[in-house]
Amino acid sequence: MRYVAAALLTALAGEEINADNITKILSSVGVEVEKEKMDLVLKNLAGKSIEELMAAGQDKLASMPTGGAAAPAAGGAAAGGAAPAEEKKEEKVEEEEEEDDDMGFGLFD
């Protein structure tokens, strides 16, 4: 991801996306450049416009499930009214366990 981010920053600055510009950006934040990974990104970006790549990526992201939100809602509807009461009990148990974790010693005491 860091190589893609550096390439996008290069494009945003109006510069050509190349190895020197990516290396310059990554080096400025203390990241050691791995030539193989950078070459892979450059190979996949060669001859393509960033705007087209972003538009294609948005189409792909739109078709992906967002995950998580629908499953608990469906499970809660199937279980009826008992699920919220169980969740409250579990939260109380977790709070008590957290208090015991420090064994009376605070990190900054």
PDB file of N, CA and C in Angstrom:
ATOM      1  N   MET A   1       0.817  -1.199   0.000  1.00  0.00           N
ATOM      2  CA  MET A   1       0.000   0.000   0.000  1.00  0.00           C
ATOM      3  C   MET A   1       0.861   1.264   0.000  1.00  0.00           C
ATOM      4  N   ARG A   2       2.000   1.221   0.642  1.00  0.00           N
ATOM      5  CA  ARG A   2       2.810   2.437   0.724  1.00  0.00           C
ATOM      6  C   ARG A   2       3.293   2.867  -0.650  1.00  0.00           C
ATOM      7  N   TYR A   3       3.521   1.914  -1.537  1.00  0.00           N
ATOM      8  CA  TYR A   3       3.996   2.252  -2.875  1.00  0.00           C
ATOM      9  C   TYR A   3       2.868   2.860  -3.695  1.00  0.00           C
ATOM     10  N   VAL A   4       1.673   2.324  -3.526  1.00  0.00           N
ATOM     11  CA  VAL A   4       0.505   2.878  -4.212  1.00  0.00           C
ATOM     12  C   VAL A   4       0.229   4.282  -3.682  1.00  0.00           C
ATOM     13  N   ALA A   5       0.307   4.462  -2.360  1.00  0.00           N
ATOM     14  CA  ALA A   5       0.076   5.778  -1.768  1.00  0.00           C
ATOM     15  C   ALA A   5       1.104   6.780  -2.272  1.00  0.00           C
ATOM     16  N   ALA A   6       2.357   6.376  -2.356  1.00  0.00           N
ATOM     17  CA  ALA A   6       3.399   7.274  -2.863  1.00  0.00           C
ATOM     18  C   ALA A   6       3.149   7.615  -4.328  1.00  0.00           C
ATOM     19  N   ALA A   7       2.686   6.643  -5.099  1.00  0.00           N
ATOM     20  CA  ALA A   7       2.371   6.901  -6.509  1.00  0.00           C
ATOM     21  C   ALA A   7       1.216   7.890  -6.623  1.00  0.00           C
ATOM     22  N   LEU A   8       0.208   7.734  -5.769  1.00  0.00           N
ATOM     23  CA  LEU A   8      -0.927   8.658  -5.794  1.00  0.00           C
ATOM     24  C   LEU A   8      -0.502  10.065  -5.372  1.00  0.00           C
ATOM     25  N   LEU A   9       0.358  10.159  -4.376  1.00  0.00           N
ATOM     26  CA  LEU A   9       0.875  11.468  -3.967  1.00  0.00           C
ATOM     27  C   LEU A   9       1.673  12.124  -5.092  1.00  0.00           C
ATOM     28  N   THR A  10       2.422  11.312  -5.808  1.00  0.00           N
ATOM     29  CA  THR A  10       3.192  11.821  -6.942  1.00  0.00           C
ATOM     30  C   THR A  10       2.255  12.376  -8.007  1.00  0.00           C
ATOM     31  N   ALA A  11       1.200  11.625  -8.313  1.00  0.00           N
ATOM     32  CA  ALA A  11       0.233  12.070  -9.312  1.00  0.00           C
ATOM     33  C   ALA A  11      -0.494  13.327  -8.841  1.00  0.00           C
ATOM     34  N   LEU A  12      -0.830  13.375  -7.561  1.00  0.00           N
ATOM     35  CA  LEU A  12      -1.514  14.537  -6.998  1.00  0.00           C
ATOM     36  C   LEU A  12      -0.650  15.790  -7.109  1.00  0.00           C
ATOM     37  N   ALA A  13       0.654  15.616  -6.987  1.00  0.00           N
ATOM     38  CA  ALA A  13       1.588  16.733  -7.111  1.00  0.00           C
ATOM     39  C   ALA A  13       1.817  17.128  -8.570  1.00  0.00           C
ATOM     40  N   GLY A  14       1.257  16.363  -9.497  1.00  0.00           N
ATOM     41  CA  GLY A  14       1.413  16.674 -10.910  1.00  0.00           C
ATOM     42  C   GLY A  14       2.725  16.179 -11.497  1.00  0.00           C
ATOM     43  N   GLU A  15       3.380  15.291 -10.788  1.00  0.00           N
ATOM     44  CA  GLU A  15       4.649  14.743 -11.244  1.00  0.00           C
ATOM     45  C   GLU A  15       4.429  13.401 -11.935  1.00  0.00           C
ATOM     46  N   GLU A  16       5.429  12.971 -12.668  1.00  0.00           N
ATOM     47  CA  GLU A  16       5.384  11.668 -13.323  1.00  0.00           C
ATOM     48  C   GLU A  16       5.594  10.568 -12.279  1.00  0.00           C
ATOM     49  N   ILE A  17       4.815   9.502 -12.385  1.00  0.00           N
ATOM     50  CA  ILE A  17       4.955   8.381 -11.459  1.00  0.00           C
ATOM     51  C   ILE A  17       6.116   7.526 -11.940  1.00  0.00           C
ATOM     52  N   ASN A  18       7.221   7.599 -11.206  1.00  0.00           N
ATOM     53  CA  ASN A  18       8.403   6.811 -11.549  1.00  0.00           C
ATOM     54  C   ASN A  18       9.122   6.407 -10.272  1.00  0.00           C
ATOM     55  N   ALA A  19      10.134   5.579 -10.419  1.00  0.00           N
ATOM     56  CA  ALA A  19      10.857   5.034  -9.266  1.00  0.00           C
ATOM     57  C   ALA A  19      11.505   6.128  -8.433  1.00  0.00           C
ATOM     58  N   ASP A  20      12.068   7.137  -9.084  1.00  0.00           N
ATOM     59  CA  ASP A  20      12.739   8.208  -8.344  1.00  0.00           C
ATOM     60  C   ASP A  20      11.770   8.983  -7.461  1.00  0.00           C
ATOM     61  N   ASN A  21      10.601   9.314  -8.006  1.00  0.00           N
ATOM     62  CA  ASN A  21       9.627  10.081  -7.227  1.00  0.00           C
ATOM     63  C   ASN A  21       9.051   9.262  -6.072  1.00  0.00           C
ATOM     64  N   ILE A  22       8.785   7.994  -6.305  1.00  0.00           N
ATOM     65  CA  ILE A  22       8.271   7.136  -5.233  1.00  0.00           C
ATOM     66  C   ILE A  22       9.324   6.971  -4.144  1.00  0.00           C
ATOM     67  N   THR A  23      10.564   6.745  -4.552  1.00  0.00           N
ATOM     68  CA  THR A  23      11.660   6.597  -3.590  1.00  0.00           C
ATOM     69  C   THR A  23      11.831   7.879  -2.779  1.00  0.00           C
ATOM     70  N   LYS A  24      11.731   9.012  -3.431  1.00  0.00           N
ATOM     71  CA  LYS A  24      11.878  10.306  -2.757  1.00  0.00           C
ATOM     72  C   LYS A  24      10.811  10.478  -1.673  1.00  0.00           C
ATOM     73  N   ILE A  25       9.565  10.139  -1.992  1.00  0.00           N
ATOM     74  CA  ILE A  25       8.468  10.285  -1.027  1.00  0.00           C
ATOM     75  C   ILE A  25       8.649   9.315   0.133  1.00  0.00           C
ATOM     76  N   LEU A  26       8.910   8.058  -0.177  1.00  0.00           N
ATOM     77  CA  LEU A  26       9.034   7.060   0.893  1.00  0.00           C
ATOM     78  C   LEU A  26      10.251   7.331   1.775  1.00  0.00           C
ATOM     79  N   SER A  27      11.334   7.760   1.186  1.00  0.00           N
ATOM     80  CA  SER A  27      12.539   8.057   1.961  1.00  0.00           C
ATOM     81  C   SER A  27      12.325   9.245   2.893  1.00  0.00           C
ATOM     82  N   SER A  28      11.477  10.178   2.486  1.00  0.00           N
ATOM     83  CA  SER A  28      11.237  11.370   3.303  1.00  0.00           C
ATOM     84  C   SER A  28      10.540  11.043   4.619  1.00  0.00           C
ATOM     85  N   VAL A  29       9.887   9.875   4.678  1.00  0.00           N
ATOM     86  CA  VAL A  29       9.218   9.465   5.919  1.00  0.00           C
ATOM     87  C   VAL A  29       9.904   8.262   6.556  1.00  0.00           C
ATOM     88  N   GLY A  30      11.106   7.962   6.108  1.00  0.00           N
ATOM     89  CA  GLY A  30      11.901   6.916   6.737  1.00  0.00           C
ATOM     90  C   GLY A  30      11.563   5.500   6.342  1.00  0.00           C
ATOM     91  N   VAL A  31      10.942   5.318   5.187  1.00  0.00           N
ATOM     92  CA  VAL A  31      10.587   3.979   4.722  1.00  0.00           C
ATOM     93  C   VAL A  31      11.654   3.491   3.750  1.00  0.00           C
ATOM     94  N   GLU A  32      12.166   2.291   4.016  1.00  0.00           N
ATOM     95  CA  GLU A  32      13.143   1.692   3.111  1.00  0.00           C
ATOM     96  C   GLU A  32      12.401   1.092   1.918  1.00  0.00           C
ATOM     97  N   VAL A  33      12.856   1.419   0.734  1.00  0.00           N
ATOM     98  CA  VAL A  33      12.181   0.993  -0.493  1.00  0.00           C
ATOM     99  C   VAL A  33      12.640  -0.413  -0.874  1.00  0.00           C
ATOM    100  N   GLU A  34      11.652  -1.281  -1.132  1.00  0.00           N
ATOM    101  CA  GLU A  34      11.936  -2.620  -1.646  1.00  0.00           C
ATOM    102  C   GLU A  34      11.697  -2.576  -3.157  1.00  0.00           C
ATOM    103  N   LYS A  35      12.755  -2.723  -3.903  1.00  0.00           N
ATOM    104  CA  LYS A  35      12.716  -2.551  -5.357  1.00  0.00           C
ATOM    105  C   LYS A  35      11.681  -3.458  -6.028  1.00  0.00           C
ATOM    106  N   GLU A  36      11.565  -4.704  -5.574  1.00  0.00           N
ATOM    107  CA  GLU A  36      10.626  -5.640  -6.214  1.00  0.00           C
ATOM    108  C   GLU A  36       9.185  -5.145  -6.087  1.00  0.00           C
ATOM    109  N   LYS A  37       8.829  -4.675  -4.907  1.00  0.00           N
ATOM    110  CA  LYS A  37       7.462  -4.198  -4.691  1.00  0.00           C
ATOM    111  C   LYS A  37       7.191  -2.923  -5.475  1.00  0.00           C
ATOM    112  N   MET A  38       8.164  -2.028  -5.486  1.00  0.00           N
ATOM    113  CA  MET A  38       7.995  -0.790  -6.229  1.00  0.00           C
ATOM    114  C   MET A  38       7.873  -1.081  -7.723  1.00  0.00           C
ATOM    115  N   ASP A  39       8.699  -1.996  -8.227  1.00  0.00           N
ATOM    116  CA  ASP A  39       8.636  -2.349  -9.646  1.00  0.00           C
ATOM    117  C   ASP A  39       7.284  -2.950 -10.010  1.00  0.00           C
ATOM    118  N   LEU A  40       6.709  -3.746  -9.110  1.00  0.00           N
ATOM    119  CA  LEU A  40       5.394  -4.332  -9.357  1.00  0.00           C
ATOM    120  C   LEU A  40       4.323  -3.249  -9.489  1.00  0.00           C
ATOM    121  N   VAL A  41       4.367  -2.283  -8.590  1.00  0.00           N
ATOM    122  CA  VAL A  41       3.401  -1.174  -8.651  1.00  0.00           C
ATOM    123  C   VAL A  41       3.597  -0.379  -9.929  1.00  0.00           C
ATOM    124  N   LEU A  42       4.834  -0.055 -10.248  1.00  0.00           N
ATOM    125  CA  LEU A  42       5.111   0.710 -11.468  1.00  0.00           C
ATOM    126  C   LEU A  42       4.669  -0.046 -12.714  1.00  0.00           C
ATOM    127  N   LYS A  43       4.877  -1.359 -12.729  1.00  0.00           N
ATOM    128  CA  LYS A  43       4.469  -2.180 -13.874  1.00  0.00           C
ATOM    129  C   LYS A  43       2.946  -2.148 -14.041  1.00  0.00           C
ATOM    130  N   ASN A  44       2.224  -2.241 -12.929  1.00  0.00           N
ATOM    131  CA  ASN A  44       0.761  -2.246 -12.998  1.00  0.00           C
ATOM    132  C   ASN A  44       0.175  -0.869 -13.304  1.00  0.00           C
ATOM    133  N   LEU A  45       0.913   0.187 -13.009  1.00  0.00           N
ATOM    134  CA  LEU A  45       0.427   1.535 -13.292  1.00  0.00           C
ATOM    135  C   LEU A  45       0.863   2.050 -14.660  1.00  0.00           C
ATOM    136  N   ALA A  46       1.781   1.353 -15.301  1.00  0.00           N
ATOM    137  CA  ALA A  46       2.352   1.819 -16.571  1.00  0.00           C
ATOM    138  C   ALA A  46       1.277   2.023 -17.624  1.00  0.00           C
ATOM    139  N   GLY A  47       1.256   3.244 -18.200  1.00  0.00           N
ATOM    140  CA  GLY A  47       0.341   3.563 -19.288  1.00  0.00           C
ATOM    141  C   GLY A  47      -1.102   3.761 -18.871  1.00  0.00           C
ATOM    142  N   LYS A  48      -1.364   3.829 -17.587  1.00  0.00           N
ATOM    143  CA  LYS A  48      -2.740   3.992 -17.111  1.00  0.00           C
ATOM    144  C   LYS A  48      -2.885   5.338 -16.407  1.00  0.00           C
ATOM    145  N   SER A  49      -4.066   5.903 -16.527  1.00  0.00           N
ATOM    146  CA  SER A  49      -4.332   7.163 -15.851  1.00  0.00           C
ATOM    147  C   SER A  49      -4.856   6.869 -14.439  1.00  0.00           C
ATOM    148  N   ILE A  50      -4.435   7.668 -13.483  1.00  0.00           N
ATOM    149  CA  ILE A  50      -4.864   7.483 -12.093  1.00  0.00           C
ATOM    150  C   ILE A  50      -6.375   7.637 -11.982  1.00  0.00           C
ATOM    151  N   GLU A  51      -6.946   8.565 -12.719  1.00  0.00           N
ATOM    152  CA  GLU A  51      -8.399   8.783 -12.670  1.00  0.00           C
ATOM    153  C   GLU A  51      -9.165   7.535 -13.120  1.00  0.00           C
ATOM    154  N   GLU A  52      -8.674   6.897 -14.188  1.00  0.00           N
ATOM    155  CA  GLU A  52      -9.319   5.675 -14.678  1.00  0.00           C
ATOM    156  C   GLU A  52      -9.192   4.546 -13.657  1.00  0.00           C
ATOM    157  N   LEU A  53      -8.016   4.423 -13.043  1.00  0.00           N
ATOM    158  CA  LEU A  53      -7.808   3.384 -12.038  1.00  0.00           C
ATOM    159  C   LEU A  53      -8.720   3.592 -10.826  1.00  0.00           C
ATOM    160  N   MET A  54      -8.872   4.840 -10.417  1.00  0.00           N
ATOM    161  CA  MET A  54      -9.732   5.129  -9.271  1.00  0.00           C
ATOM    162  C   MET A  54     -11.193   4.848  -9.599  1.00  0.00           C
ATOM    163  N   ALA A  55     -11.623   5.185 -10.814  1.00  0.00           N
ATOM    164  CA  ALA A  55     -13.003   4.917 -11.225  1.00  0.00           C
ATOM    165  C   ALA A  55     -13.264   3.411 -11.261  1.00  0.00           C
ATOM    166  N   ALA A  56     -12.309   2.653 -11.786  1.00  0.00           N
ATOM    167  CA  ALA A  56     -12.457   1.195 -11.835  1.00  0.00           C
ATOM    168  C   ALA A  56     -12.477   0.623 -10.427  1.00  0.00           C
ATOM    169  N   GLY A  57     -11.655   1.167  -9.543  1.00  0.00           N
ATOM    170  CA  GLY A  57     -11.621   0.706  -8.157  1.00  0.00           C
ATOM    171  C   GLY A  57     -12.919   0.991  -7.427  1.00  0.00           C
ATOM    172  N   GLN A  58     -13.538   2.137  -7.697  1.00  0.00           N
ATOM    173  CA  GLN A  58     -14.806   2.469  -7.057  1.00  0.00           C
ATOM    174  C   GLN A  58     -15.899   1.494  -7.489  1.00  0.00           C
ATOM    175  N   ASP A  59     -15.891   1.128  -8.771  1.00  0.00           N
ATOM    176  CA  ASP A  59     -16.877   0.155  -9.253  1.00  0.00           C
ATOM    177  C   ASP A  59     -16.695  -1.184  -8.542  1.00  0.00           C
ATOM    178  N   LYS A  60     -15.447  -1.598  -8.355  1.00  0.00           N
ATOM    179  CA  LYS A  60     -15.176  -2.864  -7.668  1.00  0.00           C
ATOM    180  C   LYS A  60     -15.586  -2.787  -6.205  1.00  0.00           C
ATOM    181  N   LEU A  61     -15.291  -1.678  -5.552  1.00  0.00           N
ATOM    182  CA  LEU A  61     -15.658  -1.522  -4.140  1.00  0.00           C
ATOM    183  C   LEU A  61     -17.169  -1.485  -3.946  1.00  0.00           C
ATOM    184  N   ALA A  62     -17.878  -0.913  -4.897  1.00  0.00           N
ATOM    185  CA  ALA A  62     -19.334  -0.835  -4.791  1.00  0.00           C
ATOM    186  C   ALA A  62     -19.971  -2.213  -4.823  1.00  0.00           C
ATOM    187  N   SER A  63     -19.340  -3.169  -5.490  1.00  0.00           N
ATOM    188  CA  SER A  63     -19.906  -4.505  -5.590  1.00  0.00           C
ATOM    189  C   SER A  63     -19.528  -5.408  -4.421  1.00  0.00           C
ATOM    190  N   MET A  64     -18.623  -4.946  -3.554  1.00  0.00           N
ATOM    191  CA  MET A  64     -18.179  -5.766  -2.420  1.00  0.00           C
ATOM    192  C   MET A  64     -19.128  -5.606  -1.238  1.00  0.00           C
ATOM    193  N   PRO A  65     -19.378  -6.692  -0.509  1.00  0.00           N
ATOM    194  CA  PRO A  65     -20.200  -6.557   0.695  1.00  0.00           C
ATOM    195  C   PRO A  65     -19.439  -5.769   1.758  1.00  0.00           C
ATOM    196  N   THR A  66     -20.169  -4.981   2.528  1.00  0.00           N
ATOM    197  CA  THR A  66     -19.526  -4.170   3.556  1.00  0.00           C
ATOM    198  C   THR A  66     -19.253  -4.967   4.806  1.00  0.00           C
ATOM    199  N   GLY A  67     -19.949  -6.071   5.010  1.00  0.00           N
ATOM    200  CA  GLY A  67     -19.665  -6.994   6.096  1.00  0.00           C
ATOM    201  C   GLY A  67     -20.126  -6.531   7.454  1.00  0.00           C
ATOM    202  N   GLY A  68     -20.489  -7.486   8.283  1.00  0.00           N
ATOM    203  CA  GLY A  68     -20.754  -7.245   9.686  1.00  0.00           C
ATOM    204  C   GLY A  68     -22.107  -6.671  10.034  1.00  0.00           C
ATOM    205  N   ALA A  69     -22.545  -5.617   9.391  1.00  0.00           N
ATOM    206  CA  ALA A  69     -23.742  -4.908   9.821  1.00  0.00           C
ATOM    207  C   ALA A  69     -25.007  -5.734   9.623  1.00  0.00           C
ATOM    208  N   ALA A  70     -25.134  -6.463   8.551  1.00  0.00           N
ATOM    209  CA  ALA A  70     -26.361  -7.193   8.273  1.00  0.00           C
ATOM    210  C   ALA A  70     -26.494  -8.456   9.124  1.00  0.00           C
ATOM    211  N   ALA A  71     -25.421  -9.132   9.402  1.00  0.00           N
ATOM    212  CA  ALA A  71     -25.486 -10.393  10.134  1.00  0.00           C
ATOM    213  C   ALA A  71     -26.034 -10.235  11.551  1.00  0.00           C
ATOM    214  N   PRO A  72     -25.561  -9.287  12.365  1.00  0.00           N
ATOM    215  CA  PRO A  72     -26.132  -9.159  13.703  1.00  0.00           C
ATOM    216  C   PRO A  72     -27.606  -8.771  13.678  1.00  0.00           C
ATOM    217  N   ALA A  73     -28.007  -7.956  12.702  1.00  0.00           N
ATOM    218  CA  ALA A  73     -29.400  -7.556  12.632  1.00  0.00           C
ATOM    219  C   ALA A  73     -30.279  -8.762  12.327  1.00  0.00           C
ATOM    220  N   ALA A  74     -29.843  -9.612  11.418  1.00  0.00           N
ATOM    221  CA  ALA A  74     -30.622 -10.799  11.087  1.00  0.00           C
ATOM    222  C   ALA A  74     -30.647 -11.763  12.263  1.00  0.00           C
ATOM    223  N   GLY A  75     -29.535 -11.927  12.929  1.00  0.00           N
ATOM    224  CA  GLY A  75     -29.469 -12.824  14.076  1.00  0.00           C
ATOM    225  C   GLY A  75     -30.330 -12.327  15.213  1.00  0.00           C
ATOM    226  N   GLY A  76     -30.375 -11.030  15.431  1.00  0.00           N
ATOM    227  CA  GLY A  76     -31.185 -10.458  16.499  1.00  0.00           C
ATOM    228  C   GLY A  76     -32.659 -10.645  16.230  1.00  0.00           C
ATOM    229  N   ALA A  77     -33.069 -10.541  14.980  1.00  0.00           N
ATOM    230  CA  ALA A  77     -34.468 -10.710  14.639  1.00  0.00           C
ATOM    231  C   ALA A  77     -34.884 -12.162  14.830  1.00  0.00           C
ATOM    232  N   ALA A  78     -34.016 -13.094  14.518  1.00  0.00           N
ATOM    233  CA  ALA A  78     -34.352 -14.509  14.658  1.00  0.00           C
ATOM    234  C   ALA A  78     -34.408 -14.921  16.127  1.00  0.00           C
ATOM    235  N   ALA A  79     -33.582 -14.338  16.962  1.00  0.00           N
ATOM    236  CA  ALA A  79     -33.521 -14.732  18.361  1.00  0.00           C
ATOM    237  C   ALA A  79     -34.650 -14.137  19.186  1.00  0.00           C
ATOM    238  N   GLY A  80     -35.268 -13.091  18.704  1.00  0.00           N
ATOM    239  CA  GLY A  80     -36.354 -12.475  19.453  1.00  0.00           C
ATOM    240  C   GLY A  80     -35.831 -11.471  20.458  1.00  0.00           C
ATOM    241  N   GLY A  81     -36.521 -11.314  21.590  1.00  0.00           N
ATOM    242  CA  GLY A  81     -36.164 -10.317  22.572  1.00  0.00           C
ATOM    243  C   GLY A  81     -35.109 -10.778  23.555  1.00  0.00           C
ATOM    244  N   ALA A  82     -34.673 -11.998  23.533  1.00  0.00           N
ATOM    245  CA  ALA A  82     -33.729 -12.511  24.522  1.00  0.00           C
ATOM    246  C   ALA A  82     -32.307 -12.014  24.284  1.00  0.00           C
ATOM    247  N   ALA A  83     -31.948 -11.696  23.083  1.00  0.00           N
ATOM    248  CA  ALA A  83     -30.574 -11.321  22.768  1.00  0.00           C
ATOM    249  C   ALA A  83     -30.109 -10.062  23.498  1.00  0.00           C
ATOM    250  N   PRO A  84     -30.877  -8.982  23.559  1.00  0.00           N
ATOM    251  CA  PRO A  84     -30.373  -7.794  24.250  1.00  0.00           C
ATOM    252  C   PRO A  84     -30.080  -8.040  25.729  1.00  0.00           C
ATOM    253  N   ALA A  85     -30.882  -8.846  26.390  1.00  0.00           N
ATOM    254  CA  ALA A  85     -30.635  -9.113  27.807  1.00  0.00           C
ATOM    255  C   ALA A  85     -29.323  -9.870  27.992  1.00  0.00           C
ATOM    256  N   GLU A  86     -29.041 -10.815  27.120  1.00  0.00           N
ATOM    257  CA  GLU A  86     -27.798 -11.570  27.206  1.00  0.00           C
ATOM    258  C   GLU A  86     -26.594 -10.659  26.983  1.00  0.00           C
ATOM    259  N   GLU A  87     -26.719  -9.720  26.044  1.00  0.00           N
ATOM    260  CA  GLU A  87     -25.616  -8.813  25.752  1.00  0.00           C
ATOM    261  C   GLU A  87     -25.298  -7.945  26.957  1.00  0.00           C
ATOM    262  N   LYS A  88     -26.307  -7.486  27.675  1.00  0.00           N
ATOM    263  CA  LYS A  88     -26.083  -6.649  28.844  1.00  0.00           C
ATOM    264  C   LYS A  88     -25.338  -7.412  29.921  1.00  0.00           C
ATOM    265  N   LYS A  89     -25.686  -8.678  30.117  1.00  0.00           N
ATOM    266  CA  LYS A  89     -25.001  -9.487  31.122  1.00  0.00           C
ATOM    267  C   LYS A  89     -23.533  -9.678  30.757  1.00  0.00           C
ATOM    268  N   GLU A  90     -23.270  -9.917  29.484  1.00  0.00           N
ATOM    269  CA  GLU A  90     -21.898 -10.122  29.036  1.00  0.00           C
ATOM    270  C   GLU A  90     -21.067  -8.854  29.232  1.00  0.00           C
ATOM    271  N   GLU A  91     -21.656  -7.686  28.994  1.00  0.00           N
ATOM    272  CA  GLU A  91     -20.921  -6.440  29.162  1.00  0.00           C
ATOM    273  C   GLU A  91     -20.513  -6.242  30.614  1.00  0.00           C
ATOM    274  N   LYS A  92     -21.378  -6.588  31.552  1.00  0.00           N
ATOM    275  CA  LYS A  92     -21.058  -6.435  32.964  1.00  0.00           C
ATOM    276  C   LYS A  92     -19.895  -7.339  33.360  1.00  0.00           C
ATOM    277  N   VAL A  93     -19.889  -8.551  32.846  1.00  0.00           N
ATOM    278  CA  VAL A  93     -18.820  -9.497  33.157  1.00  0.00           C
ATOM    279  C   VAL A  93     -17.492  -8.972  32.618  1.00  0.00           C
ATOM    280  N   GLU A  94     -17.481  -8.429  31.417  1.00  0.00           N
ATOM    281  CA  GLU A  94     -16.254  -7.918  30.826  1.00  0.00           C
ATOM    282  C   GLU A  94     -15.700  -6.748  31.632  1.00  0.00           C
ATOM    283  N   GLU A  95     -16.564  -5.872  32.127  1.00  0.00           N
ATOM    284  CA  GLU A  95     -16.104  -4.729  32.908  1.00  0.00           C
ATOM    285  C   GLU A  95     -15.404  -5.194  34.177  1.00  0.00           C
ATOM    286  N   GLU A  96     -15.956  -6.206  34.831  1.00  0.00           N
ATOM    287  CA  GLU A  96     -15.349  -6.715  36.054  1.00  0.00           C
ATOM    288  C   GLU A  96     -13.978  -7.326  35.763  1.00  0.00           C
ATOM    289  N   GLU A  97     -13.850  -8.033  34.653  1.00  0.00           N
ATOM    290  CA  GLU A  97     -12.578  -8.640  34.290  1.00  0.00           C
ATOM    291  C   GLU A  97     -11.520  -7.583  34.014  1.00  0.00           C
ATOM    292  N   GLU A  98     -11.901  -6.493  33.384  1.00  0.00           N
ATOM    293  CA  GLU A  98     -10.954  -5.438  33.078  1.00  0.00           C
ATOM    294  C   GLU A  98     -10.387  -4.828  34.350  1.00  0.00           C
ATOM    295  N   GLU A  99     -11.203  -4.681  35.374  1.00  0.00           N
ATOM    296  CA  GLU A  99     -10.742  -4.112  36.631  1.00  0.00           C
ATOM    297  C   GLU A  99      -9.714  -5.021  37.294  1.00  0.00           C
ATOM    298  N   ASP A 100      -9.853  -6.339  37.136  1.00  0.00           N
ATOM    299  CA  ASP A 100      -8.933  -7.286  37.749  1.00  0.00           C
ATOM    300  C   ASP A 100      -7.624  -7.415  36.991  1.00  0.00           C
ATOM    301  N   ASP A 101      -7.609  -7.010  35.734  1.00  0.00           N
ATOM    302  CA  ASP A 101      -6.426  -7.190  34.902  1.00  0.00           C
ATOM    303  C   ASP A 101      -5.198  -6.454  35.435  1.00  0.00           C
ATOM    304  N   ASP A 102      -5.379  -5.292  36.063  1.00  0.00           N
ATOM    305  CA  ASP A 102      -4.208  -4.546  36.497  1.00  0.00           C
ATOM    306  C   ASP A 102      -3.673  -5.001  37.854  1.00  0.00           C
ATOM    307  N   MET A 103      -4.388  -5.892  38.552  1.00  0.00           N
ATOM    308  CA  MET A 103      -3.987  -6.478  39.830  1.00  0.00           C
ATOM    309  C   MET A 103      -3.581  -5.408  40.845  1.00  0.00           C
ATOM    310  N   GLY A 104      -4.242  -4.275  40.804  1.00  0.00           N
ATOM    311  CA  GLY A 104      -3.971  -3.244  41.781  1.00  0.00           C
ATOM    312  C   GLY A 104      -2.825  -2.330  41.428  1.00  0.00           C
ATOM    313  N   PHE A 105      -2.156  -2.589  40.317  1.00  0.00           N
ATOM    314  CA  PHE A 105      -1.040  -1.752  39.901  1.00  0.00           C
ATOM    315  C   PHE A 105      -1.432  -1.005  38.637  1.00  0.00           C
ATOM    316  N   GLY A 106      -1.335   0.305  38.671  1.00  0.00           N
ATOM    317  CA  GLY A 106      -1.607   1.090  37.484  1.00  0.00           C
ATOM    318  C   GLY A 106      -0.321   1.327  36.709  1.00  0.00           C
ATOM    319  N   LEU A 107      -0.435   1.508  35.447  1.00  0.00           N
ATOM    320  CA  LEU A 107       0.727   1.697  34.598  1.00  0.00           C
ATOM    321  C   LEU A 107       1.480   2.975  34.960  1.00  0.00           C
ATOM    322  N   PHE A 108       0.746   4.008  35.357  1.00  0.00           N
ATOM    323  CA  PHE A 108       1.379   5.290  35.626  1.00  0.00           C
ATOM    324  C   PHE A 108       1.326   5.691  37.093  1.00  0.00           C
ATOM    325  N   ASP A 109       1.118   4.717  37.993  1.00  0.00           N
ATOM    326  CA  ASP A 109       1.054   5.017  39.430  1.00  0.00           C
ATOM    327  C   ASP A 109       2.433   5.235  40.006  1.00  0.00           C
TER     328      ASP A 109
END
